[in-house]
Amino acid sequence: MNPSDARGSNHFAGALVFCQQAAEKSLKAFLTWHERTFRRTHDVEELGKDCQAIDLTLGALIEEADVLSDYAWKLRYPGAPYTPEQEEAEVMFGIAGRVFREVQSWLPLETRISEDHDDNQS
């Protein structure tokens, strides 16, 4: 779902939490693929540093993606400190997508999900 399709700030908050999760899980997948252990954490920067130990070219992307770490807690529970706007959700959606695509580019072709993937295929 594109964040611009969401209606209302609660949807934007949820989208931001999922953006953080997408980046976190992508980095954990990268580490798992390379048989590297990692600490149980939601910190994108920490996971990213572990990924950079494998590939230094990930540095700029990890630095950009670190902003997603706060969404693991900031908007996840009732009483969030602020109400996110659509523009913020769109920017974070782009960052999370870049992390996912970069990690996916390191995986063998048969493990990748295509942009036009249809979950209804058998």
PDB file of N, CA and C in Angstrom:
ATOM      1  N   MET A   1       0.842  -1.182   0.000  1.00  0.00           N
ATOM      2  CA  MET A   1       0.000   0.000   0.000  1.00  0.00           C
ATOM      3  C   MET A   1       0.884   1.240   0.000  1.00  0.00           C
ATOM      4  N   ASN A   2       0.581   2.137  -0.846  1.00  0.00           N
ATOM      5  CA  ASN A   2       1.272   3.418  -0.878  1.00  0.00           C
ATOM      6  C   ASN A   2       0.720   4.289   0.236  1.00  0.00           C
ATOM      7  N   PRO A   3       1.576   4.945   1.040  1.00  0.00           N
ATOM      8  CA  PRO A   3       1.070   5.754   2.146  1.00  0.00           C
ATOM      9  C   PRO A   3       0.137   6.868   1.704  1.00  0.00           C
ATOM     10  N   SER A   4       0.234   7.304   0.470  1.00  0.00           N
ATOM     11  CA  SER A   4      -0.670   8.368   0.027  1.00  0.00           C
ATOM     12  C   SER A   4      -2.097   7.861  -0.130  1.00  0.00           C
ATOM     13  N   ASP A   5      -2.282   6.534  -0.132  1.00  0.00           N
ATOM     14  CA  ASP A   5      -3.618   5.959  -0.200  1.00  0.00           C
ATOM     15  C   ASP A   5      -4.289   5.913   1.168  1.00  0.00           C
ATOM     16  N   ALA A   6      -3.526   6.077   2.239  1.00  0.00           N
ATOM     17  CA  ALA A   6      -4.069   6.001   3.597  1.00  0.00           C
ATOM     18  C   ALA A   6      -4.937   7.219   3.870  1.00  0.00           C
ATOM     19  N   ARG A   7      -5.962   7.020   4.679  1.00  0.00           N
ATOM     20  CA  ARG A   7      -6.839   8.120   5.050  1.00  0.00           C
ATOM     21  C   ARG A   7      -6.766   8.296   6.560  1.00  0.00           C
ATOM     22  N   GLY A   8      -6.418   9.476   7.013  1.00  0.00           N
ATOM     23  CA  GLY A   8      -6.386   9.766   8.435  1.00  0.00           C
ATOM     24  C   GLY A   8      -5.029   9.507   9.050  1.00  0.00           C
ATOM     25  N   SER A   9      -4.733  10.240  10.103  1.00  0.00           N
ATOM     26  CA  SER A   9      -3.416  10.175  10.726  1.00  0.00           C
ATOM     27  C   SER A   9      -3.116   8.825  11.357  1.00  0.00           C
ATOM     28  N   ASN A  10      -4.126   8.097  11.839  1.00  0.00           N
ATOM     29  CA  ASN A  10      -3.859   6.780  12.418  1.00  0.00           C
ATOM     30  C   ASN A  10      -3.268   5.850  11.379  1.00  0.00           C
ATOM     31  N   HIS A  11      -3.693   5.992  10.140  1.00  0.00           N
ATOM     32  CA  HIS A  11      -3.135   5.176   9.073  1.00  0.00           C
ATOM     33  C   HIS A  11      -1.680   5.557   8.812  1.00  0.00           C
ATOM     34  N   PHE A  12      -1.361   6.824   8.890  1.00  0.00           N
ATOM     35  CA  PHE A  12       0.015   7.258   8.686  1.00  0.00           C
ATOM     36  C   PHE A  12       0.909   6.735   9.810  1.00  0.00           C
ATOM     37  N   ALA A  13       0.427   6.774  11.036  1.00  0.00           N
ATOM     38  CA  ALA A  13       1.205   6.251  12.161  1.00  0.00           C
ATOM     39  C   ALA A  13       1.463   4.763  11.959  1.00  0.00           C
ATOM     40  N   GLY A  14       0.428   4.020  11.581  1.00  0.00           N
ATOM     41  CA  GLY A  14       0.601   2.590  11.320  1.00  0.00           C
ATOM     42  C   GLY A  14       1.562   2.335  10.183  1.00  0.00           C
ATOM     43  N   ALA A  15       1.472   3.128   9.129  1.00  0.00           N
ATOM     44  CA  ALA A  15       2.369   2.973   7.981  1.00  0.00           C
ATOM     45  C   ALA A  15       3.823   3.198   8.395  1.00  0.00           C
ATOM     46  N   LEU A  16       4.053   4.162   9.278  1.00  0.00           N
ATOM     47  CA  LEU A  16       5.413   4.444   9.728  1.00  0.00           C
ATOM     48  C   LEU A  16       5.975   3.303  10.576  1.00  0.00           C
ATOM     49  N   VAL A  17       5.154   2.705  11.399  1.00  0.00           N
ATOM     50  CA  VAL A  17       5.590   1.541  12.179  1.00  0.00           C
ATOM     51  C   VAL A  17       5.970   0.413  11.225  1.00  0.00           C
ATOM     52  N   PHE A  18       5.154   0.201  10.200  1.00  0.00           N
ATOM     53  CA  PHE A  18       5.447  -0.870   9.239  1.00  0.00           C
ATOM     54  C   PHE A  18       6.680  -0.560   8.393  1.00  0.00           C
ATOM     55  N   CYS A  19       6.950   0.710   8.127  1.00  0.00           N
ATOM     56  CA  CYS A  19       8.176   1.079   7.411  1.00  0.00           C
ATOM     57  C   CYS A  19       9.398   0.682   8.241  1.00  0.00           C
ATOM     58  N   GLN A  20       9.346   0.970   9.540  1.00  0.00           N
ATOM     59  CA  GLN A  20      10.454   0.590  10.415  1.00  0.00           C
ATOM     60  C   GLN A  20      10.625  -0.920  10.408  1.00  0.00           C
ATOM     61  N   GLN A  21       9.511  -1.634  10.510  1.00  0.00           N
ATOM     62  CA  GLN A  21       9.562  -3.093  10.533  1.00  0.00           C
ATOM     63  C   GLN A  21      10.140  -3.653   9.232  1.00  0.00           C
ATOM     64  N   ALA A  22       9.767  -3.065   8.116  1.00  0.00           N
ATOM     65  CA  ALA A  22      10.278  -3.539   6.825  1.00  0.00           C
ATOM     66  C   ALA A  22      11.792  -3.385   6.746  1.00  0.00           C
ATOM     67  N   ALA A  23      12.302  -2.235   7.180  1.00  0.00           N
ATOM     68  CA  ALA A  23      13.752  -2.021   7.152  1.00  0.00           C
ATOM     69  C   ALA A  23      14.446  -2.966   8.133  1.00  0.00           C
ATOM     70  N   GLU A  24      13.914  -3.061   9.344  1.00  0.00           N
ATOM     71  CA  GLU A  24      14.511  -3.938  10.360  1.00  0.00           C
ATOM     72  C   GLU A  24      14.563  -5.382   9.865  1.00  0.00           C
ATOM     73  N   LYS A  25      13.453  -5.890   9.376  1.00  0.00           N
ATOM     74  CA  LYS A  25      13.403  -7.287   8.933  1.00  0.00           C
ATOM     75  C   LYS A  25      14.268  -7.507   7.701  1.00  0.00           C
ATOM     76  N   SER A  26      14.373  -6.521   6.847  1.00  0.00           N
ATOM     77  CA  SER A  26      15.245  -6.641   5.677  1.00  0.00           C
ATOM     78  C   SER A  26      16.699  -6.784   6.109  1.00  0.00           C
ATOM     79  N   LEU A  27      17.127  -5.953   7.054  1.00  0.00           N
ATOM     80  CA  LEU A  27      18.508  -6.025   7.534  1.00  0.00           C
ATOM     81  C   LEU A  27      18.774  -7.338   8.261  1.00  0.00           C
ATOM     82  N   LYS A  28      17.798  -7.801   9.028  1.00  0.00           N
ATOM     83  CA  LYS A  28      17.947  -9.094   9.701  1.00  0.00           C
ATOM     84  C   LYS A  28      18.027 -10.230   8.678  1.00  0.00           C
ATOM     85  N   ALA A  29      17.290 -10.110   7.590  1.00  0.00           N
ATOM     86  CA  ALA A  29      17.365 -11.120   6.530  1.00  0.00           C
ATOM     87  C   ALA A  29      18.754 -11.130   5.906  1.00  0.00           C
ATOM     88  N   PHE A  30      19.309  -9.948   5.677  1.00  0.00           N
ATOM     89  CA  PHE A  30      20.659  -9.835   5.120  1.00  0.00           C
ATOM     90  C   PHE A  30      21.662 -10.530   6.033  1.00  0.00           C
ATOM     91  N   LEU A  31      21.562 -10.256   7.329  1.00  0.00           N
ATOM     92  CA  LEU A  31      22.483 -10.867   8.288  1.00  0.00           C
ATOM     93  C   LEU A  31      22.286 -12.379   8.365  1.00  0.00           C
ATOM     94  N   THR A  32      21.054 -12.813   8.352  1.00  0.00           N
ATOM     95  CA  THR A  32      20.754 -14.245   8.404  1.00  0.00           C
ATOM     96  C   THR A  32      21.285 -14.937   7.164  1.00  0.00           C
ATOM     97  N   TRP A  33      21.096 -14.322   5.994  1.00  0.00           N
ATOM     98  CA  TRP A  33      21.598 -14.896   4.750  1.00  0.00           C
ATOM     99  C   TRP A  33      23.110 -15.102   4.813  1.00  0.00           C
ATOM    100  N   HIS A  34      23.786 -14.179   5.462  1.00  0.00           N
ATOM    101  CA  HIS A  34      25.242 -14.251   5.591  1.00  0.00           C
ATOM    102  C   HIS A  34      25.675 -14.997   6.856  1.00  0.00           C
ATOM    103  N   GLU A  35      24.724 -15.671   7.484  1.00  0.00           N
ATOM    104  CA  GLU A  35      24.982 -16.492   8.666  1.00  0.00           C
ATOM    105  C   GLU A  35      25.655 -15.725   9.795  1.00  0.00           C
ATOM    106  N   ARG A  36      25.188 -14.490   9.993  1.00  0.00           N
ATOM    107  CA  ARG A  36      25.691 -13.644  11.070  1.00  0.00           C
ATOM    108  C   ARG A  36      24.628 -13.552  12.165  1.00  0.00           C
ATOM    109  N   THR A  37      25.052 -13.701  13.383  1.00  0.00           N
ATOM    110  CA  THR A  37      24.120 -13.536  14.490  1.00  0.00           C
ATOM    111  C   THR A  37      23.976 -12.051  14.799  1.00  0.00           C
ATOM    112  N   PHE A  38      22.876 -11.705  15.413  1.00  0.00           N
ATOM    113  CA  PHE A  38      22.633 -10.314  15.791  1.00  0.00           C
ATOM    114  C   PHE A  38      21.850 -10.303  17.093  1.00  0.00           C
ATOM    115  N   ARG A  39      22.017  -9.216  17.792  1.00  0.00           N
ATOM    116  CA  ARG A  39      21.313  -9.019  19.055  1.00  0.00           C
ATOM    117  C   ARG A  39      19.836  -8.774  18.774  1.00  0.00           C
ATOM    118  N   ARG A  40      19.003  -9.188  19.681  1.00  0.00           N
ATOM    119  CA  ARG A  40      17.567  -8.934  19.549  1.00  0.00           C
ATOM    120  C   ARG A  40      17.318  -7.437  19.759  1.00  0.00           C
ATOM    121  N   THR A  41      17.003  -6.744  18.668  1.00  0.00           N
ATOM    122  CA  THR A  41      16.860  -5.287  18.718  1.00  0.00           C
ATOM    123  C   THR A  41      15.951  -4.804  17.588  1.00  0.00           C
ATOM    124  N   HIS A  42      15.436  -3.596  17.761  1.00  0.00           N
ATOM    125  CA  HIS A  42      14.678  -2.926  16.698  1.00  0.00           C
ATOM    126  C   HIS A  42      15.494  -1.782  16.109  1.00  0.00           C
ATOM    127  N   ASP A  43      16.717  -1.625  16.542  1.00  0.00           N
ATOM    128  CA  ASP A  43      17.566  -0.497  16.163  1.00  0.00           C
ATOM    129  C   ASP A  43      18.162  -0.706  14.770  1.00  0.00           C
ATOM    130  N   VAL A  44      17.660   0.051  13.820  1.00  0.00           N
ATOM    131  CA  VAL A  44      18.106  -0.059  12.430  1.00  0.00           C
ATOM    132  C   VAL A  44      19.588   0.290  12.300  1.00  0.00           C
ATOM    133  N   GLU A  45      20.043   1.276  13.053  1.00  0.00           N
ATOM    134  CA  GLU A  45      21.457   1.661  12.983  1.00  0.00           C
ATOM    135  C   GLU A  45      22.354   0.510  13.453  1.00  0.00           C
ATOM    136  N   GLU A  46      22.006  -0.112  14.564  1.00  0.00           N
ATOM    137  CA  GLU A  46      22.815  -1.223  15.078  1.00  0.00           C
ATOM    138  C   GLU A  46      22.848  -2.383  14.078  1.00  0.00           C
ATOM    139  N   LEU A  47      21.693  -2.753  13.573  1.00  0.00           N
ATOM    140  CA  LEU A  47      21.643  -3.830  12.578  1.00  0.00           C
ATOM    141  C   LEU A  47      22.408  -3.434  11.322  1.00  0.00           C
ATOM    142  N   GLY A  48      22.277  -2.178  10.941  1.00  0.00           N
ATOM    143  CA  GLY A  48      22.970  -1.677   9.765  1.00  0.00           C
ATOM    144  C   GLY A  48      24.478  -1.737   9.897  1.00  0.00           C
ATOM    145  N   LYS A  49      24.977  -1.436  11.070  1.00  0.00           N
ATOM    146  CA  LYS A  49      26.429  -1.527  11.294  1.00  0.00           C
ATOM    147  C   LYS A  49      26.905  -2.964  11.139  1.00  0.00           C
ATOM    148  N   ASP A  50      26.092  -3.909  11.617  1.00  0.00           N
ATOM    149  CA  ASP A  50      26.435  -5.321  11.430  1.00  0.00           C
ATOM    150  C   ASP A  50      26.445  -5.677   9.942  1.00  0.00           C
ATOM    151  N   CYS A  51      25.510  -5.105   9.195  1.00  0.00           N
ATOM    152  CA  CYS A  51      25.457  -5.340   7.744  1.00  0.00           C
ATOM    153  C   CYS A  51      26.655  -4.697   7.048  1.00  0.00           C
ATOM    154  N   GLN A  52      27.041  -3.509   7.493  1.00  0.00           N
ATOM    155  CA  GLN A  52      28.198  -2.820   6.915  1.00  0.00           C
ATOM    156  C   GLN A  52      29.483  -3.605   7.117  1.00  0.00           C
ATOM    157  N   ALA A  53      29.551  -4.399   8.170  1.00  0.00           N
ATOM    158  CA  ALA A  53      30.728  -5.234   8.387  1.00  0.00           C
ATOM    159  C   ALA A  53      30.866  -6.262   7.266  1.00  0.00           C
ATOM    160  N   ILE A  54      29.765  -6.568   6.617  1.00  0.00           N
ATOM    161  CA  ILE A  54      29.761  -7.493   5.480  1.00  0.00           C
ATOM    162  C   ILE A  54      30.000  -6.730   4.187  1.00  0.00           C
ATOM    163  N   ASP A  55      29.356  -5.571   4.060  1.00  0.00           N
ATOM    164  CA  ASP A  55      29.460  -4.770   2.835  1.00  0.00           C
ATOM    165  C   ASP A  55      29.500  -3.283   3.192  1.00  0.00           C
ATOM    166  N   LEU A  56      30.659  -2.673   3.035  1.00  0.00           N
ATOM    167  CA  LEU A  56      30.830  -1.262   3.368  1.00  0.00           C
ATOM    168  C   LEU A  56      29.993  -0.330   2.497  1.00  0.00           C
ATOM    169  N   THR A  57      29.589  -0.771   1.316  1.00  0.00           N
ATOM    170  CA  THR A  57      28.818   0.104   0.429  1.00  0.00           C
ATOM    171  C   THR A  57      27.425   0.403   0.976  1.00  0.00           C
ATOM    172  N   LEU A  58      27.010  -0.280   2.015  1.00  0.00           N
ATOM    173  CA  LEU A  58      25.689  -0.032   2.611  1.00  0.00           C
ATOM    174  C   LEU A  58      25.675   1.189   3.531  1.00  0.00           C
ATOM    175  N   GLY A  59      26.820   1.788   3.770  1.00  0.00           N
ATOM    176  CA  GLY A  59      26.948   2.880   4.729  1.00  0.00           C
ATOM    177  C   GLY A  59      25.970   4.019   4.546  1.00  0.00           C
ATOM    178  N   ALA A  60      25.879   4.563   3.353  1.00  0.00           N
ATOM    179  CA  ALA A  60      25.002   5.720   3.123  1.00  0.00           C
ATOM    180  C   ALA A  60      23.541   5.350   3.332  1.00  0.00           C
ATOM    181  N   LEU A  61      23.145   4.179   2.865  1.00  0.00           N
ATOM    182  CA  LEU A  61      21.761   3.736   3.023  1.00  0.00           C
ATOM    183  C   LEU A  61      21.428   3.524   4.503  1.00  0.00           C
ATOM    184  N   ILE A  62      22.327   2.932   5.238  1.00  0.00           N
ATOM    185  CA  ILE A  62      22.107   2.696   6.665  1.00  0.00           C
ATOM    186  C   ILE A  62      21.992   4.015   7.408  1.00  0.00           C
ATOM    187  N   GLU A  63      22.846   4.960   7.054  1.00  0.00           N
ATOM    188  CA  GLU A  63      22.781   6.280   7.694  1.00  0.00           C
ATOM    189  C   GLU A  63      21.419   6.933   7.436  1.00  0.00           C
ATOM    190  N   GLU A  64      20.935   6.823   6.221  1.00  0.00           N
ATOM    191  CA  GLU A  64      19.624   7.383   5.876  1.00  0.00           C
ATOM    192  C   GLU A  64      18.505   6.641   6.609  1.00  0.00           C
ATOM    193  N   ALA A  65      18.608   5.332   6.714  1.00  0.00           N
ATOM    194  CA  ALA A  65      17.541   4.508   7.279  1.00  0.00           C
ATOM    195  C   ALA A  65      17.464   4.578   8.800  1.00  0.00           C
ATOM    196  N   ASP A  66      18.512   5.059   9.450  1.00  0.00           N
ATOM    197  CA  ASP A  66      18.519   5.122  10.912  1.00  0.00           C
ATOM    198  C   ASP A  66      17.320   5.892  11.454  1.00  0.00           C
ATOM    199  N   VAL A  67      16.816   6.847  10.720  1.00  0.00           N
ATOM    200  CA  VAL A  67      15.670   7.646  11.158  1.00  0.00           C
ATOM    201  C   VAL A  67      14.448   6.760  11.432  1.00  0.00           C
ATOM    202  N   LEU A  68      14.396   5.584  10.822  1.00  0.00           N
ATOM    203  CA  LEU A  68      13.256   4.689  11.007  1.00  0.00           C
ATOM    204  C   LEU A  68      13.222   4.051  12.391  1.00  0.00           C
ATOM    205  N   SER A  69      14.358   3.975  13.071  1.00  0.00           N
ATOM    206  CA  SER A  69      14.431   3.283  14.367  1.00  0.00           C
ATOM    207  C   SER A  69      13.398   3.776  15.366  1.00  0.00           C
ATOM    208  N   ASP A  70      13.202   5.070  15.449  1.00  0.00           N
ATOM    209  CA  ASP A  70      12.281   5.627  16.443  1.00  0.00           C
ATOM    210  C   ASP A  70      10.835   5.171  16.237  1.00  0.00           C
ATOM    211  N   TYR A  71      10.475   4.810  15.036  1.00  0.00           N
ATOM    212  CA  TYR A  71       9.097   4.385  14.781  1.00  0.00           C
ATOM    213  C   TYR A  71       8.784   3.020  15.387  1.00  0.00           C
ATOM    214  N   ALA A  72       9.797   2.305  15.863  1.00  0.00           N
ATOM    215  CA  ALA A  72       9.571   1.029  16.539  1.00  0.00           C
ATOM    216  C   ALA A  72       8.805   1.245  17.849  1.00  0.00           C
ATOM    217  N   TRP A  73       8.895   2.444  18.396  1.00  0.00           N
ATOM    218  CA  TRP A  73       8.208   2.730  19.661  1.00  0.00           C
ATOM    219  C   TRP A  73       7.413   4.034  19.646  1.00  0.00           C
ATOM    220  N   LYS A  74       7.849   5.003  18.855  1.00  0.00           N
ATOM    221  CA  LYS A  74       7.277   6.359  18.912  1.00  0.00           C
ATOM    222  C   LYS A  74       5.779   6.406  18.601  1.00  0.00           C
ATOM    223  N   LEU A  75       5.343   5.664  17.604  1.00  0.00           N
ATOM    224  CA  LEU A  75       3.948   5.734  17.164  1.00  0.00           C
ATOM    225  C   LEU A  75       3.204   4.410  17.331  1.00  0.00           C
ATOM    226  N   ARG A  76       3.863   3.439  17.903  1.00  0.00           N
ATOM    227  CA  ARG A  76       3.315   2.081  17.963  1.00  0.00           C
ATOM    228  C   ARG A  76       2.195   1.930  18.989  1.00  0.00           C
ATOM    229  N   TYR A  77       2.247   2.686  20.052  1.00  0.00           N
ATOM    230  CA  TYR A  77       1.309   2.509  21.153  1.00  0.00           C
ATOM    231  C   TYR A  77       0.463   3.761  21.362  1.00  0.00           C
ATOM    232  N   PRO A  78      -0.692   3.606  22.008  1.00  0.00           N
ATOM    233  CA  PRO A  78      -1.556   4.779  22.265  1.00  0.00           C
ATOM    234  C   PRO A  78      -0.793   5.876  23.007  1.00  0.00           C
ATOM    235  N   GLY A  79      -1.189   7.112  22.757  1.00  0.00           N
ATOM    236  CA  GLY A  79      -0.547   8.247  23.406  1.00  0.00           C
ATOM    237  C   GLY A  79       0.710   8.699  22.704  1.00  0.00           C
ATOM    238  N   ALA A  80       0.779   8.472  21.391  1.00  0.00           N
ATOM    239  CA  ALA A  80       1.953   8.861  20.608  1.00  0.00           C
ATOM    240  C   ALA A  80       2.233  10.350  20.806  1.00  0.00           C
ATOM    241  N   PRO A  81       3.525  10.733  20.780  1.00  0.00           N
ATOM    242  CA  PRO A  81       3.901  12.119  21.061  1.00  0.00           C
ATOM    243  C   PRO A  81       3.488  13.128  19.993  1.00  0.00           C
ATOM    244  N   TYR A  82       3.101  12.672  18.808  1.00  0.00           N
ATOM    245  CA  TYR A  82       2.664  13.593  17.759  1.00  0.00           C
ATOM    246  C   TYR A  82       1.868  12.828  16.707  1.00  0.00           C
ATOM    247  N   THR A  83       1.266  13.576  15.809  1.00  0.00           N
ATOM    248  CA  THR A  83       0.482  12.994  14.729  1.00  0.00           C
ATOM    249  C   THR A  83       1.249  13.176  13.429  1.00  0.00           C
ATOM    250  N   PRO A  84       1.637  12.073  12.785  1.00  0.00           N
ATOM    251  CA  PRO A  84       2.408  12.187  11.542  1.00  0.00           C
ATOM    252  C   PRO A  84       1.559  12.680  10.376  1.00  0.00           C
ATOM    253  N   GLU A  85       2.222  13.307   9.451  1.00  0.00           N
ATOM    254  CA  GLU A  85       1.585  13.809   8.242  1.00  0.00           C
ATOM    255  C   GLU A  85       1.885  12.883   7.070  1.00  0.00           C
ATOM    256  N   GLN A  86       1.140  13.023   6.017  1.00  0.00           N
ATOM    257  CA  GLN A  86       1.299  12.193   4.828  1.00  0.00           C
ATOM    258  C   GLN A  86       2.705  12.293   4.246  1.00  0.00           C
ATOM    259  N   GLU A  87       3.263  13.489   4.184  1.00  0.00           N
ATOM    260  CA  GLU A  87       4.600  13.677   3.600  1.00  0.00           C
ATOM    261  C   GLU A  87       5.651  12.861   4.348  1.00  0.00           C
ATOM    262  N   GLU A  88       5.571  12.860   5.672  1.00  0.00           N
ATOM    263  CA  GLU A  88       6.512  12.082   6.476  1.00  0.00           C
ATOM    264  C   GLU A  88       6.387  10.590   6.138  1.00  0.00           C
ATOM    265  N   ALA A  89       5.156  10.112   6.039  1.00  0.00           N
ATOM    266  CA  ALA A  89       4.932   8.702   5.713  1.00  0.00           C
ATOM    267  C   ALA A  89       5.492   8.366   4.332  1.00  0.00           C
ATOM    268  N   GLU A  90       5.318   9.247   3.379  1.00  0.00           N
ATOM    269  CA  GLU A  90       5.820   8.995   2.028  1.00  0.00           C
ATOM    270  C   GLU A  90       7.347   8.926   1.996  1.00  0.00           C
ATOM    271  N   VAL A  91       8.005   9.815   2.725  1.00  0.00           N
ATOM    272  CA  VAL A  91       9.472   9.821   2.775  1.00  0.00           C
ATOM    273  C   VAL A  91       9.981   8.523   3.411  1.00  0.00           C
ATOM    274  N   MET A  92       9.380   8.136   4.524  1.00  0.00           N
ATOM    275  CA  MET A  92       9.825   6.929   5.226  1.00  0.00           C
ATOM    276  C   MET A  92       9.509   5.667   4.410  1.00  0.00           C
ATOM    277  N   PHE A  93       8.409   5.687   3.695  1.00  0.00           N
ATOM    278  CA  PHE A  93       8.056   4.583   2.813  1.00  0.00           C
ATOM    279  C   PHE A  93       9.144   4.403   1.745  1.00  0.00           C
ATOM    280  N   GLY A  94       9.636   5.515   1.226  1.00  0.00           N
ATOM    281  CA  GLY A  94      10.711   5.472   0.231  1.00  0.00           C
ATOM    282  C   GLY A  94      11.999   4.903   0.803  1.00  0.00           C
ATOM    283  N   ILE A  95      12.345   5.311   2.015  1.00  0.00           N
ATOM    284  CA  ILE A  95      13.564   4.809   2.653  1.00  0.00           C
ATOM    285  C   ILE A  95      13.443   3.314   2.914  1.00  0.00           C
ATOM    286  N   ALA A  96      12.327   2.893   3.483  1.00  0.00           N
ATOM    287  CA  ALA A  96      12.126   1.466   3.773  1.00  0.00           C
ATOM    288  C   ALA A  96      12.179   0.647   2.485  1.00  0.00           C
ATOM    289  N   GLY A  97      11.610   1.177   1.425  1.00  0.00           N
ATOM    290  CA  GLY A  97      11.645   0.490   0.132  1.00  0.00           C
ATOM    291  C   GLY A  97      13.059   0.346  -0.397  1.00  0.00           C
ATOM    292  N   ARG A  98      13.868   1.380  -0.227  1.00  0.00           N
ATOM    293  CA  ARG A  98      15.268   1.298  -0.687  1.00  0.00           C
ATOM    294  C   ARG A  98      16.052   0.252   0.102  1.00  0.00           C
ATOM    295  N   VAL A  99      15.816   0.175   1.402  1.00  0.00           N
ATOM    296  CA  VAL A  99      16.497  -0.839   2.212  1.00  0.00           C
ATOM    297  C   VAL A  99      16.086  -2.228   1.727  1.00  0.00           C
ATOM    298  N   PHE A 100      14.793  -2.438   1.564  1.00  0.00           N
ATOM    299  CA  PHE A 100      14.295  -3.737   1.110  1.00  0.00           C
ATOM    300  C   PHE A 100      14.898  -4.115  -0.248  1.00  0.00           C
ATOM    301  N   ARG A 101      14.864  -3.182  -1.195  1.00  0.00           N
ATOM    302  CA  ARG A 101      15.378  -3.484  -2.541  1.00  0.00           C
ATOM    303  C   ARG A 101      16.886  -3.745  -2.531  1.00  0.00           C
ATOM    304  N   GLU A 102      17.625  -3.013  -1.709  1.00  0.00           N
ATOM    305  CA  GLU A 102      19.069  -3.231  -1.631  1.00  0.00           C
ATOM    306  C   GLU A 102      19.376  -4.613  -1.074  1.00  0.00           C
ATOM    307  N   VAL A 103      18.702  -4.984  -0.003  1.00  0.00           N
ATOM    308  CA  VAL A 103      18.912  -6.314   0.564  1.00  0.00           C
ATOM    309  C   VAL A 103      18.510  -7.379  -0.443  1.00  0.00           C
ATOM    310  N   GLN A 104      17.384  -7.184  -1.075  1.00  0.00           N
ATOM    311  CA  GLN A 104      16.906  -8.162  -2.052  1.00  0.00           C
ATOM    312  C   GLN A 104      17.896  -8.322  -3.204  1.00  0.00           C
ATOM    313  N   SER A 105      18.594  -7.262  -3.562  1.00  0.00           N
ATOM    314  CA  SER A 105      19.554  -7.335  -4.667  1.00  0.00           C
ATOM    315  C   SER A 105      20.733  -8.245  -4.335  1.00  0.00           C
ATOM    316  N   TRP A 106      20.968  -8.501  -3.063  1.00  0.00           N
ATOM    317  CA  TRP A 106      22.052  -9.377  -2.637  1.00  0.00           C
ATOM    318  C   TRP A 106      21.643 -10.845  -2.618  1.00  0.00           C
ATOM    319  N   LEU A 107      20.360 -11.115  -2.707  1.00  0.00           N
ATOM    320  CA  LEU A 107      19.880 -12.486  -2.607  1.00  0.00           C
ATOM    321  C   LEU A 107      19.835 -13.158  -3.975  1.00  0.00           C
ATOM    322  N   PRO A 108      19.906 -14.490  -3.999  1.00  0.00           N
ATOM    323  CA  PRO A 108      19.790 -15.198  -5.280  1.00  0.00           C
ATOM    324  C   PRO A 108      18.432 -14.902  -5.934  1.00  0.00           C
ATOM    325  N   LEU A 109      18.389 -14.922  -7.232  1.00  0.00           N
ATOM    326  CA  LEU A 109      17.170 -14.593  -7.978  1.00  0.00           C
ATOM    327  C   LEU A 109      15.957 -15.392  -7.508  1.00  0.00           C
ATOM    328  N   GLU A 110      16.151 -16.669  -7.211  1.00  0.00           N
ATOM    329  CA  GLU A 110      15.003 -17.499  -6.848  1.00  0.00           C
ATOM    330  C   GLU A 110      14.397 -17.130  -5.497  1.00  0.00           C
ATOM    331  N   THR A 111      15.082 -16.343  -4.693  1.00  0.00           N
ATOM    332  CA  THR A 111      14.540 -15.936  -3.395  1.00  0.00           C
ATOM    333  C   THR A 111      13.882 -14.560  -3.439  1.00  0.00           C
ATOM    334  N   ARG A 112      14.001 -13.871  -4.537  1.00  0.00           N
ATOM    335  CA  ARG A 112      13.503 -12.495  -4.611  1.00  0.00           C
ATOM    336  C   ARG A 112      12.018 -12.423  -4.892  1.00  0.00           C
ATOM    337  N   ILE A 113      11.407 -11.365  -4.383  1.00  0.00           N
ATOM    338  CA  ILE A 113      10.006 -11.066  -4.662  1.00  0.00           C
ATOM    339  C   ILE A 113       9.993  -9.977  -5.711  1.00  0.00           C
ATOM    340  N   SER A 114       9.282 -10.208  -6.800  1.00  0.00           N
ATOM    341  CA  SER A 114       9.250  -9.208  -7.860  1.00  0.00           C
ATOM    342  C   SER A 114       8.272  -8.097  -7.506  1.00  0.00           C
ATOM    343  N   GLU A 115       8.444  -6.955  -8.132  1.00  0.00           N
ATOM    344  CA  GLU A 115       7.559  -5.804  -7.924  1.00  0.00           C
ATOM    345  C   GLU A 115       6.121  -6.131  -8.296  1.00  0.00           C
ATOM    346  N   ASP A 116       5.941  -7.030  -9.263  1.00  0.00           N
ATOM    347  CA  ASP A 116       4.595  -7.382  -9.711  1.00  0.00           C
ATOM    348  C   ASP A 116       4.132  -8.709  -9.121  1.00  0.00           C
ATOM    349  N   HIS A 117       4.683  -9.095  -7.974  1.00  0.00           N
ATOM    350  CA  HIS A 117       4.347 -10.347  -7.299  1.00  0.00           C
ATOM    351  C   HIS A 117       2.859 -10.407  -7.017  1.00  0.00           C
ATOM    352  N   ASP A 118       2.250 -11.548  -7.309  1.00  0.00           N
ATOM    353  CA  ASP A 118       0.832 -11.760  -7.057  1.00  0.00           C
ATOM    354  C   ASP A 118       0.699 -12.868  -6.021  1.00  0.00           C
ATOM    355  N   ASP A 119       0.187 -12.525  -4.840  1.00  0.00           N
ATOM    356  CA  ASP A 119       0.056 -13.500  -3.759  1.00  0.00           C
ATOM    357  C   ASP A 119      -0.945 -14.604  -4.094  1.00  0.00           C
ATOM    358  N   ASN A 120      -1.754 -14.433  -5.116  1.00  0.00           N
ATOM    359  CA  ASN A 120      -2.777 -15.421  -5.456  1.00  0.00           C
ATOM    360  C   ASN A 120      -2.247 -16.491  -6.412  1.00  0.00           C
ATOM    361  N   GLN A 121      -1.002 -16.378  -6.824  1.00  0.00           N
ATOM    362  CA  GLN A 121      -0.436 -17.380  -7.730  1.00  0.00           C
ATOM    363  C   GLN A 121      -0.201 -18.667  -6.970  1.00  0.00           C
ATOM    364  N   SER A 122      -0.317 -19.817  -7.670  1.00  0.00           N
ATOM    365  CA  SER A 122      -0.062 -21.098  -7.002  1.00  0.00           C
ATOM    366  C   SER A 122       1.292 -21.601  -7.343  1.00  0.00           C
TER     367      SER A 122
END
